[in-house]
Amino acid sequence: MPLDQGAHDPTKPRYTRWRKVFAWKPRKLTNGKTVWLKFIYKRDIIIDWMPPAFPAKRYFNTQYADINAVIREKLGQKNR
């Protein structure tokens, strides 16, 4: 019997959708470049549970990318 699709493994990261935002301040992209005063894409990474060595709270991180990185990731997911 398969696991309930609504069940979420708290140790796996959850990614929000990419959102188009304007970088007013310098932001470091996933490829290592720093950009500002242009449109970039932003998403959040959330892990609900951390190992006991860390404080027992959520892990929250924000990633920034340009359009090329977003397209490359989308195409990579379709090829799997």
Protein backbone atom coordinates (compact mmCIF):
# COMPACT_ATOMS: atom_id res chain seq x y z
CA MET A 1 0.00 0.00 0.00
CA PRO A 2 1.59 3.35 -1.02
CA LEU A 3 2.15 6.11 1.46
CA ASP A 4 -0.37 8.91 1.71
CA GLN A 5 0.52 11.56 -0.88
CA GLY A 6 -0.52 14.26 1.59
CA ALA A 7 2.13 13.10 4.08
CA HIS A 8 5.27 15.23 4.07
CA ASP A 9 8.70 14.02 5.16
CA PRO A 10 9.93 16.81 7.50
CA THR A 11 13.59 16.12 6.64
CA LYS A 12 13.16 16.80 2.90
CA PRO A 13 13.42 20.39 1.64
CA ARG A 14 10.34 22.14 0.29
CA TYR A 15 10.90 24.66 -2.50
CA THR A 16 8.54 27.52 -3.27
CA ARG A 17 7.91 28.59 -6.84
CA TRP A 18 10.30 31.01 -8.50
CA ARG A 19 9.01 34.59 -8.21
CA LYS A 20 10.21 37.49 -10.34
CA VAL A 21 11.52 40.31 -8.13
CA PHE A 22 13.57 43.45 -8.64
CA ALA A 23 16.98 43.46 -6.91
CA TRP A 24 17.27 46.90 -5.32
CA LYS A 25 20.21 45.75 -3.20
CA PRO A 26 23.10 43.53 -4.37
CA ARG A 27 22.04 39.86 -4.35
CA LYS A 28 24.23 36.81 -4.85
CA LEU A 29 22.84 34.38 -7.43
CA THR A 30 23.06 30.59 -7.30
CA ASN A 31 25.85 30.73 -9.92
CA GLY A 32 27.95 32.97 -7.64
CA LYS A 33 27.50 36.27 -9.48
CA THR A 34 26.33 39.37 -7.63
CA VAL A 35 23.70 41.51 -9.38
CA TRP A 36 21.56 44.50 -8.53
CA LEU A 37 19.16 46.98 -10.17
CA LYS A 38 17.67 44.32 -12.45
CA PHE A 39 14.94 41.68 -12.39
CA ILE A 40 15.92 38.30 -10.92
CA TYR A 41 14.06 35.25 -9.62
CA LYS A 42 13.67 34.30 -5.95
CA ARG A 43 12.52 31.16 -4.12
CA ASP A 44 12.55 29.92 -0.55
CA ILE A 45 13.83 26.59 0.78
CA ILE A 46 12.20 25.29 3.97
CA ILE A 47 13.13 22.20 5.99
CA ASP A 48 10.71 21.59 8.86
CA TRP A 49 13.03 19.43 10.96
CA MET A 50 16.73 19.72 11.70
CA PRO A 51 19.05 17.07 13.20
CA PRO A 52 19.45 17.18 16.99
CA ALA A 53 22.90 18.81 16.69
CA PHE A 54 21.12 21.97 15.55
CA PRO A 55 18.42 23.90 17.39
CA ALA A 56 14.99 22.33 16.96
CA LYS A 57 13.56 24.85 14.54
CA ARG A 58 12.87 25.24 10.85
CA TYR A 59 15.65 25.84 8.35
CA PHE A 60 14.77 28.71 6.04
CA ASN A 61 16.93 29.92 3.16
CA THR A 62 16.35 32.14 0.12
CA GLN A 63 17.87 31.51 -3.30
CA TYR A 64 18.22 34.04 -6.11
CA ALA A 65 18.78 33.16 -9.77
CA ASP A 66 18.65 34.69 -13.21
CA ILE A 67 16.30 33.49 -15.94
CA ASN A 68 18.93 31.15 -17.41
CA ALA A 69 19.29 29.21 -14.15
CA VAL A 70 15.51 28.91 -13.76
CA ILE A 71 15.10 27.56 -17.31
CA ARG A 72 18.05 25.17 -16.88
CA GLU A 73 16.48 23.78 -13.69
CA LYS A 74 13.02 23.39 -15.27
CA LEU A 75 14.47 21.51 -18.25
CA GLY A 76 16.58 19.33 -15.95
CA GLN A 77 13.48 18.31 -13.98
CA LYS A 78 11.62 17.31 -17.15
CA ASN A 79 14.50 15.08 -18.29
CA ARG A 80 14.41 12.97 -15.12
